[in-house]
Amino acid sequence: MSKLTKKDLKAIFTKAKEEGSKFVFVGIEAEGVQETICIPERSFVEKHAFTREVTLTI
């Protein structure tokens, strides 16, 4: 599994918004548990802002 940077995630949300995507799916692994998070279009702006506020290791 590769790691996403905040820059990568920000670019994903920007592209999804530009392309009119309805969802972004992010696969994560934490403490040995794998899961996929589905982020709906209505949350893109908030998640985009989130990438500026925290350090992510995905």
C-alpha atoms as a PDB file:
ATOM      1  CA  MET A   1       0.000   0.000   0.000  1.00  0.00           C
ATOM      2  CA  SER A   2       1.358   3.419  -0.907  1.00  0.00           C
ATOM      3  CA  LYS A   3       1.133   6.530   1.218  1.00  0.00           C
ATOM      4  CA  LEU A   4      -0.855   9.548   0.161  1.00  0.00           C
ATOM      5  CA  THR A   5       0.406  12.991   1.007  1.00  0.00           C
ATOM      6  CA  LYS A   6      -1.818  15.918   1.882  1.00  0.00           C
ATOM      7  CA  LYS A   7      -0.924  17.340  -1.535  1.00  0.00           C
ATOM      8  CA  ASP A   8      -2.109  14.105  -3.226  1.00  0.00           C
ATOM      9  CA  LEU A   9      -5.391  14.077  -1.343  1.00  0.00           C
ATOM     10  CA  LYS A  10      -6.016  17.757  -2.042  1.00  0.00           C
ATOM     11  CA  ALA A  11      -5.452  17.098  -5.766  1.00  0.00           C
ATOM     12  CA  ILE A  12      -7.886  14.165  -5.671  1.00  0.00           C
ATOM     13  CA  PHE A  13     -10.679  16.318  -4.222  1.00  0.00           C
ATOM     14  CA  THR A  14      -9.944  19.141  -6.682  1.00  0.00           C
ATOM     15  CA  LYS A  15     -10.090  16.750  -9.647  1.00  0.00           C
ATOM     16  CA  ALA A  16     -13.226  15.038  -8.357  1.00  0.00           C
ATOM     17  CA  LYS A  17     -14.979  18.394  -8.055  1.00  0.00           C
ATOM     18  CA  GLU A  18     -13.830  19.487 -11.540  1.00  0.00           C
ATOM     19  CA  GLU A  19     -15.046  16.223 -13.084  1.00  0.00           C
ATOM     20  CA  GLY A  20     -18.387  16.279 -11.278  1.00  0.00           C
ATOM     21  CA  SER A  21     -17.685  13.080  -9.347  1.00  0.00           C
ATOM     22  CA  LYS A  22     -20.350  12.094  -6.866  1.00  0.00           C
ATOM     23  CA  PHE A  23     -17.971  10.250  -4.512  1.00  0.00           C
ATOM     24  CA  VAL A  24     -14.306   9.808  -3.612  1.00  0.00           C
ATOM     25  CA  PHE A  25     -13.256   6.476  -2.154  1.00  0.00           C
ATOM     26  CA  VAL A  26     -10.168   6.312   0.057  1.00  0.00           C
ATOM     27  CA  GLY A  27      -8.695   3.002   1.199  1.00  0.00           C
ATOM     28  CA  ILE A  28      -6.897   3.113   4.526  1.00  0.00           C
ATOM     29  CA  GLU A  29      -5.118   0.726   6.825  1.00  0.00           C
ATOM     30  CA  ALA A  30      -4.700   1.528  10.502  1.00  0.00           C
ATOM     31  CA  GLU A  31      -3.651  -0.793  13.286  1.00  0.00           C
ATOM     32  CA  GLY A  32      -3.976  -3.791  10.979  1.00  0.00           C
ATOM     33  CA  VAL A  33      -7.541  -2.974   9.922  1.00  0.00           C
ATOM     34  CA  GLN A  34      -8.270  -2.211   6.281  1.00  0.00           C
ATOM     35  CA  GLU A  35     -11.287  -0.160   5.287  1.00  0.00           C
ATOM     36  CA  THR A  36     -12.610   2.016   2.508  1.00  0.00           C
ATOM     37  CA  ILE A  37     -14.106   5.395   3.250  1.00  0.00           C
ATOM     38  CA  CYS A  38     -16.718   6.805   0.861  1.00  0.00           C
ATOM     39  CA  ILE A  39     -16.774  10.608   0.802  1.00  0.00           C
ATOM     40  CA  PRO A  40     -19.826  12.134  -0.897  1.00  0.00           C
ATOM     41  CA  GLU A  41     -19.653  15.201  -3.132  1.00  0.00           C
ATOM     42  CA  ARG A  42     -21.314  17.385  -0.493  1.00  0.00           C
ATOM     43  CA  SER A  43     -18.262  16.852   1.767  1.00  0.00           C
ATOM     44  CA  PHE A  44     -15.521  17.631  -0.801  1.00  0.00           C
ATOM     45  CA  VAL A  45     -15.056  21.243   0.343  1.00  0.00           C
ATOM     46  CA  GLU A  46     -14.758  20.274   4.011  1.00  0.00           C
ATOM     47  CA  LYS A  47     -12.356  17.407   3.278  1.00  0.00           C
ATOM     48  CA  HIS A  48     -10.293  19.654   1.007  1.00  0.00           C
ATOM     49  CA  ALA A  49     -10.002  22.131   3.907  1.00  0.00           C
ATOM     50  CA  PHE A  50      -9.193  19.238   6.272  1.00  0.00           C
ATOM     51  CA  THR A  51      -6.094  18.427   4.221  1.00  0.00           C
ATOM     52  CA  ARG A  52      -4.708  21.872   5.040  1.00  0.00           C
ATOM     53  CA  GLU A  53      -5.200  21.448   8.804  1.00  0.00           C
ATOM     54  CA  VAL A  54      -3.767  18.042   9.679  1.00  0.00           C
ATOM     55  CA  THR A  55      -0.975  15.677   8.818  1.00  0.00           C
ATOM     56  CA  LEU A  56      -2.277  12.569   7.065  1.00  0.00           C
ATOM     57  CA  THR A  57      -0.735   9.153   6.774  1.00  0.00           C
ATOM     58  CA  ILE A  58      -2.946   7.034   4.580  1.00  0.00           C
END
